[in-house]
Amino acid sequence: MITPYTERQKSLIVKNILAACEDIEMLNNTGYKFIYLCSGFIAHYDLNGFKSAYSNHRELAHDIIMNGRYNQYNNFQPNDKDYAYYMSKKDIYNAILKELTNVYSNA
């Protein structure tokens, strides 16, 4: 069984990914490990490769927004193994998505 993210972990990841959407150099290993495992993203071999691929921070925000529907984990049901883990990932992604949508819809 995969352990779900704690509220503290969720908060730290959201904060880091949002910071990286403003300055990719802010992306840390925790944020990288979260985002590259989301649907629509690839590892780019390592953190530095990912930073290089997203040197234009607007591209990262764009890809997060565009891949939102693929990161809802709606195929998991409450009785499924690791359901809580995937719902915690969904919580993180949606918190990031909410903030980015607010920023870029007002831009």
N, C-alpha and C. Protein backbone atom coordinates (compact mmCIF):
# COMPACT_ATOMS: atom_id res chain seq x y z
N MET A 1 0.84 -1.18 0.00
CA MET A 1 0.00 0.00 0.00
C MET A 1 0.89 1.25 0.00
N ILE A 2 0.52 2.19 -0.84
CA ILE A 2 1.27 3.45 -0.93
C ILE A 2 0.68 4.43 0.09
N THR A 3 1.55 5.03 0.87
CA THR A 3 1.11 5.97 1.90
C THR A 3 0.64 7.27 1.27
N PRO A 4 -0.56 7.74 1.60
CA PRO A 4 -1.05 9.02 1.07
C PRO A 4 -0.18 10.18 1.57
N TYR A 5 -0.18 11.26 0.82
CA TYR A 5 0.51 12.47 1.24
C TYR A 5 -0.17 13.06 2.47
N THR A 6 0.62 13.59 3.38
CA THR A 6 0.07 14.29 4.54
C THR A 6 -0.34 15.70 4.12
N GLU A 7 -1.09 16.37 4.95
CA GLU A 7 -1.49 17.75 4.66
C GLU A 7 -0.26 18.65 4.53
N ARG A 8 0.73 18.43 5.36
CA ARG A 8 1.97 19.22 5.29
C ARG A 8 2.68 18.96 3.96
N GLN A 9 2.80 17.71 3.57
CA GLN A 9 3.44 17.38 2.30
C GLN A 9 2.68 18.01 1.13
N LYS A 10 1.37 17.93 1.19
CA LYS A 10 0.55 18.53 0.14
C LYS A 10 0.85 20.02 0.02
N SER A 11 0.85 20.69 1.15
CA SER A 11 1.08 22.13 1.17
C SER A 11 2.45 22.49 0.61
N LEU A 12 3.47 21.75 1.01
CA LEU A 12 4.83 22.03 0.54
C LEU A 12 4.97 21.80 -0.96
N ILE A 13 4.35 20.76 -1.46
CA ILE A 13 4.43 20.46 -2.90
C ILE A 13 3.70 21.53 -3.70
N VAL A 14 2.51 21.89 -3.26
CA VAL A 14 1.75 22.94 -3.96
C VAL A 14 2.57 24.23 -4.00
N LYS A 15 3.11 24.61 -2.86
CA LYS A 15 3.90 25.84 -2.78
C LYS A 15 5.10 25.78 -3.72
N ASN A 16 5.78 24.64 -3.76
CA ASN A 16 6.97 24.51 -4.60
C ASN A 16 6.62 24.55 -6.08
N ILE A 17 5.59 23.84 -6.49
CA ILE A 17 5.22 23.83 -7.90
C ILE A 17 4.77 25.21 -8.35
N LEU A 18 4.02 25.90 -7.52
CA LEU A 18 3.59 27.25 -7.87
C LEU A 18 4.79 28.19 -7.99
N ALA A 19 5.75 28.05 -7.09
CA ALA A 19 6.98 28.86 -7.18
C ALA A 19 7.73 28.55 -8.47
N ALA A 20 7.78 27.27 -8.84
CA ALA A 20 8.47 26.86 -10.07
C ALA A 20 7.77 27.39 -11.31
N CYS A 21 6.48 27.62 -11.22
CA CYS A 21 5.75 28.20 -12.35
C CYS A 21 6.11 29.67 -12.55
N GLU A 22 6.73 30.27 -11.57
CA GLU A 22 7.22 31.65 -11.68
C GLU A 22 8.72 31.67 -11.99
N ASP A 23 9.45 30.70 -11.44
CA ASP A 23 10.89 30.60 -11.64
C ASP A 23 11.27 29.13 -11.52
N ILE A 24 11.53 28.49 -12.65
CA ILE A 24 11.77 27.05 -12.67
C ILE A 24 12.92 26.64 -11.77
N GLU A 25 13.84 27.54 -11.51
CA GLU A 25 14.97 27.22 -10.63
C GLU A 25 14.52 26.97 -9.19
N MET A 26 13.31 27.35 -8.87
CA MET A 26 12.77 27.11 -7.52
C MET A 26 12.30 25.67 -7.32
N LEU A 27 12.14 24.93 -8.42
CA LEU A 27 11.66 23.56 -8.32
C LEU A 27 12.67 22.71 -7.55
N ASN A 28 12.19 22.08 -6.49
CA ASN A 28 13.07 21.21 -5.71
C ASN A 28 12.78 19.74 -6.05
N ASN A 29 13.54 18.85 -5.45
CA ASN A 29 13.42 17.44 -5.77
C ASN A 29 12.04 16.88 -5.42
N THR A 30 11.44 17.34 -4.34
CA THR A 30 10.12 16.87 -3.94
C THR A 30 9.07 17.27 -4.97
N GLY A 31 9.11 18.54 -5.37
CA GLY A 31 8.17 19.01 -6.39
C GLY A 31 8.38 18.29 -7.71
N TYR A 32 9.63 18.08 -8.07
CA TYR A 32 9.96 17.37 -9.31
C TYR A 32 9.43 15.95 -9.29
N LYS A 33 9.66 15.25 -8.18
CA LYS A 33 9.20 13.86 -8.08
C LYS A 33 7.68 13.77 -8.16
N PHE A 34 7.00 14.80 -7.67
CA PHE A 34 5.53 14.81 -7.79
C PHE A 34 5.12 15.05 -9.24
N ILE A 35 5.63 16.12 -9.85
CA ILE A 35 5.11 16.55 -11.14
C ILE A 35 5.48 15.60 -12.26
N TYR A 36 6.67 15.03 -12.24
CA TYR A 36 7.02 14.17 -13.37
C TYR A 36 6.25 12.85 -13.35
N LEU A 37 5.67 12.51 -12.22
CA LEU A 37 4.86 11.30 -12.15
C LEU A 37 3.39 11.56 -12.49
N CYS A 38 3.05 12.80 -12.76
CA CYS A 38 1.69 13.13 -13.17
C CYS A 38 1.52 12.83 -14.66
N SER A 39 0.31 12.53 -15.05
CA SER A 39 0.03 12.27 -16.46
C SER A 39 0.33 13.51 -17.29
N GLY A 40 1.00 13.30 -18.42
CA GLY A 40 1.33 14.39 -19.31
C GLY A 40 2.73 14.92 -19.15
N PHE A 41 3.48 14.42 -18.19
CA PHE A 41 4.84 14.86 -17.92
C PHE A 41 5.78 13.68 -18.02
N ILE A 42 7.02 13.97 -18.40
CA ILE A 42 8.04 12.93 -18.41
C ILE A 42 9.19 13.36 -17.53
N ALA A 43 10.05 12.44 -17.20
CA ALA A 43 11.12 12.71 -16.24
C ALA A 43 12.21 13.63 -16.75
N HIS A 44 12.46 13.66 -18.05
CA HIS A 44 13.57 14.44 -18.60
C HIS A 44 14.90 14.02 -17.97
N TYR A 45 15.00 12.78 -17.56
CA TYR A 45 16.19 12.15 -16.98
C TYR A 45 16.49 12.56 -15.55
N ASP A 46 16.30 13.84 -15.21
CA ASP A 46 16.56 14.27 -13.83
C ASP A 46 15.99 15.68 -13.64
N LEU A 47 16.14 16.18 -12.43
CA LEU A 47 15.61 17.50 -12.08
C LEU A 47 16.15 18.58 -13.01
N ASN A 48 17.44 18.56 -13.28
CA ASN A 48 18.03 19.59 -14.13
C ASN A 48 17.53 19.50 -15.56
N GLY A 49 17.30 18.29 -16.06
CA GLY A 49 16.72 18.13 -17.38
C GLY A 49 15.31 18.68 -17.46
N PHE A 50 14.55 18.47 -16.39
CA PHE A 50 13.19 19.00 -16.32
C PHE A 50 13.23 20.53 -16.31
N LYS A 51 14.12 21.09 -15.51
CA LYS A 51 14.26 22.55 -15.45
C LYS A 51 14.63 23.11 -16.81
N SER A 52 15.52 22.42 -17.51
CA SER A 52 15.93 22.87 -18.83
C SER A 52 14.75 22.82 -19.81
N ALA A 53 13.96 21.77 -19.74
CA ALA A 53 12.81 21.63 -20.63
C ALA A 53 11.75 22.70 -20.37
N TYR A 54 11.68 23.16 -19.14
CA TYR A 54 10.68 24.16 -18.76
C TYR A 54 11.33 25.49 -18.38
N SER A 55 12.36 25.87 -19.12
CA SER A 55 13.03 27.14 -18.82
C SER A 55 12.09 28.33 -19.02
N ASN A 56 11.08 28.16 -19.86
CA ASN A 56 10.02 29.16 -19.99
C ASN A 56 8.92 28.75 -19.00
N HIS A 57 8.86 29.44 -17.87
CA HIS A 57 7.94 29.04 -16.80
C HIS A 57 6.48 29.00 -17.24
N ARG A 58 6.11 29.78 -18.22
CA ARG A 58 4.72 29.75 -18.70
C ARG A 58 4.38 28.41 -19.33
N GLU A 59 5.37 27.73 -19.89
CA GLU A 59 5.12 26.41 -20.47
C GLU A 59 4.78 25.39 -19.39
N LEU A 60 5.43 25.48 -18.25
CA LEU A 60 5.11 24.57 -17.15
C LEU A 60 3.69 24.81 -16.68
N ALA A 61 3.34 26.05 -16.45
CA ALA A 61 1.97 26.38 -16.01
C ALA A 61 0.96 25.92 -17.06
N HIS A 62 1.26 26.16 -18.31
CA HIS A 62 0.38 25.74 -19.40
C HIS A 62 0.17 24.23 -19.38
N ASP A 63 1.26 23.48 -19.27
CA ASP A 63 1.14 22.02 -19.28
C ASP A 63 0.39 21.50 -18.06
N ILE A 64 0.58 22.12 -16.93
CA ILE A 64 -0.18 21.70 -15.74
C ILE A 64 -1.67 21.91 -15.98
N ILE A 65 -2.02 23.07 -16.50
CA ILE A 65 -3.43 23.36 -16.77
C ILE A 65 -3.99 22.41 -17.83
N MET A 66 -3.25 22.22 -18.91
CA MET A 66 -3.74 21.39 -20.01
C MET A 66 -3.87 19.91 -19.63
N ASN A 67 -3.09 19.44 -18.67
CA ASN A 67 -3.15 18.04 -18.27
C ASN A 67 -4.04 17.81 -17.05
N GLY A 68 -4.74 18.83 -16.62
CA GLY A 68 -5.57 18.73 -15.42
C GLY A 68 -6.56 17.59 -15.45
N ARG A 69 -7.23 17.41 -16.54
CA ARG A 69 -8.27 16.36 -16.58
C ARG A 69 -7.68 14.96 -16.54
N TYR A 70 -6.40 14.82 -16.87
CA TYR A 70 -5.77 13.50 -16.85
C TYR A 70 -5.19 13.14 -15.49
N ASN A 71 -5.31 14.04 -14.54
CA ASN A 71 -4.74 13.82 -13.21
C ASN A 71 -5.80 13.84 -12.12
N GLN A 72 -6.97 13.30 -12.44
CA GLN A 72 -8.07 13.27 -11.49
C GLN A 72 -8.25 11.90 -10.83
N TYR A 73 -7.65 10.89 -11.38
CA TYR A 73 -7.67 9.54 -10.80
C TYR A 73 -9.09 9.05 -10.53
N ASN A 74 -10.00 9.40 -11.42
CA ASN A 74 -11.40 9.01 -11.25
C ASN A 74 -11.65 7.53 -11.49
N ASN A 75 -10.65 6.83 -11.97
CA ASN A 75 -10.79 5.39 -12.17
C ASN A 75 -10.62 4.61 -10.87
N PHE A 76 -10.24 5.28 -9.79
CA PHE A 76 -10.10 4.62 -8.50
C PHE A 76 -11.37 4.79 -7.68
N GLN A 77 -11.76 3.72 -7.01
CA GLN A 77 -12.94 3.70 -6.16
C GLN A 77 -12.51 3.55 -4.70
N PRO A 78 -13.35 3.98 -3.75
CA PRO A 78 -12.96 3.95 -2.34
C PRO A 78 -12.45 2.60 -1.82
N ASN A 79 -12.89 1.52 -2.36
CA ASN A 79 -12.42 0.21 -1.89
C ASN A 79 -11.16 -0.28 -2.59
N ASP A 80 -10.66 0.47 -3.57
CA ASP A 80 -9.46 0.07 -4.31
C ASP A 80 -8.21 0.28 -3.47
N LYS A 81 -7.24 -0.60 -3.72
CA LYS A 81 -5.93 -0.45 -3.09
C LYS A 81 -5.35 0.90 -3.52
N ASP A 82 -4.77 1.60 -2.59
CA ASP A 82 -4.10 2.88 -2.83
C ASP A 82 -5.04 4.03 -3.21
N TYR A 83 -6.34 3.85 -2.99
CA TYR A 83 -7.31 4.91 -3.28
C TYR A 83 -6.94 6.21 -2.56
N ALA A 84 -6.62 6.12 -1.28
CA ALA A 84 -6.31 7.32 -0.50
C ALA A 84 -5.07 8.04 -1.05
N TYR A 85 -4.11 7.27 -1.50
CA TYR A 85 -2.90 7.87 -2.09
C TYR A 85 -3.26 8.66 -3.35
N TYR A 86 -4.00 8.05 -4.23
CA TYR A 86 -4.34 8.74 -5.48
C TYR A 86 -5.26 9.94 -5.25
N MET A 87 -6.09 9.88 -4.25
CA MET A 87 -6.92 11.03 -3.93
C MET A 87 -6.06 12.16 -3.34
N SER A 88 -5.01 11.81 -2.61
CA SER A 88 -4.12 12.85 -2.09
C SER A 88 -3.35 13.49 -3.24
N LYS A 89 -2.97 12.71 -4.25
CA LYS A 89 -2.33 13.28 -5.44
C LYS A 89 -3.30 14.21 -6.17
N LYS A 90 -4.55 13.79 -6.26
CA LYS A 90 -5.58 14.60 -6.90
C LYS A 90 -5.75 15.92 -6.15
N ASP A 91 -5.76 15.87 -4.83
CA ASP A 91 -5.86 17.08 -4.02
C ASP A 91 -4.74 18.06 -4.34
N ILE A 92 -3.53 17.55 -4.43
CA ILE A 92 -2.37 18.40 -4.72
C ILE A 92 -2.51 19.02 -6.10
N TYR A 93 -2.77 18.18 -7.08
CA TYR A 93 -2.87 18.68 -8.46
C TYR A 93 -3.96 19.73 -8.58
N ASN A 94 -5.10 19.48 -7.96
CA ASN A 94 -6.21 20.42 -8.06
C ASN A 94 -5.94 21.72 -7.33
N ALA A 95 -5.18 21.66 -6.24
CA ALA A 95 -4.81 22.90 -5.54
C ALA A 95 -3.88 23.74 -6.42
N ILE A 96 -2.94 23.08 -7.08
CA ILE A 96 -2.05 23.78 -8.01
C ILE A 96 -2.87 24.35 -9.17
N LEU A 97 -3.72 23.54 -9.72
CA LEU A 97 -4.56 23.94 -10.85
C LEU A 97 -5.43 25.14 -10.50
N LYS A 98 -6.01 25.12 -9.33
CA LYS A 98 -6.87 26.23 -8.90
C LYS A 98 -6.09 27.55 -8.87
N GLU A 99 -4.92 27.52 -8.28
CA GLU A 99 -4.10 28.74 -8.20
C GLU A 99 -3.67 29.21 -9.59
N LEU A 100 -3.22 28.28 -10.42
CA LEU A 100 -2.77 28.67 -11.76
C LEU A 100 -3.92 29.20 -12.60
N THR A 101 -5.06 28.58 -12.49
CA THR A 101 -6.23 29.04 -13.24
C THR A 101 -6.59 30.45 -12.83
N ASN A 102 -6.52 30.75 -11.53
CA ASN A 102 -6.81 32.10 -11.05
C ASN A 102 -5.80 33.10 -11.59
N VAL A 103 -4.52 32.74 -11.58
CA VAL A 103 -3.47 33.65 -12.05
C VAL A 103 -3.59 33.90 -13.54
N TYR A 104 -3.73 32.84 -14.31
CA TYR A 104 -3.69 32.99 -15.76
C TYR A 104 -5.02 33.42 -16.36
N SER A 105 -6.10 33.25 -15.64
CA SER A 105 -7.38 33.77 -16.15
C SER A 105 -7.50 35.27 -15.91
N ASN A 106 -6.70 35.77 -14.97
CA ASN A 106 -6.70 37.22 -14.68
C ASN A 106 -5.56 37.96 -15.40
N ALA A 107 -4.75 37.21 -16.14
CA ALA A 107 -3.59 37.84 -16.82
C ALA A 107 -3.98 38.48 -18.13
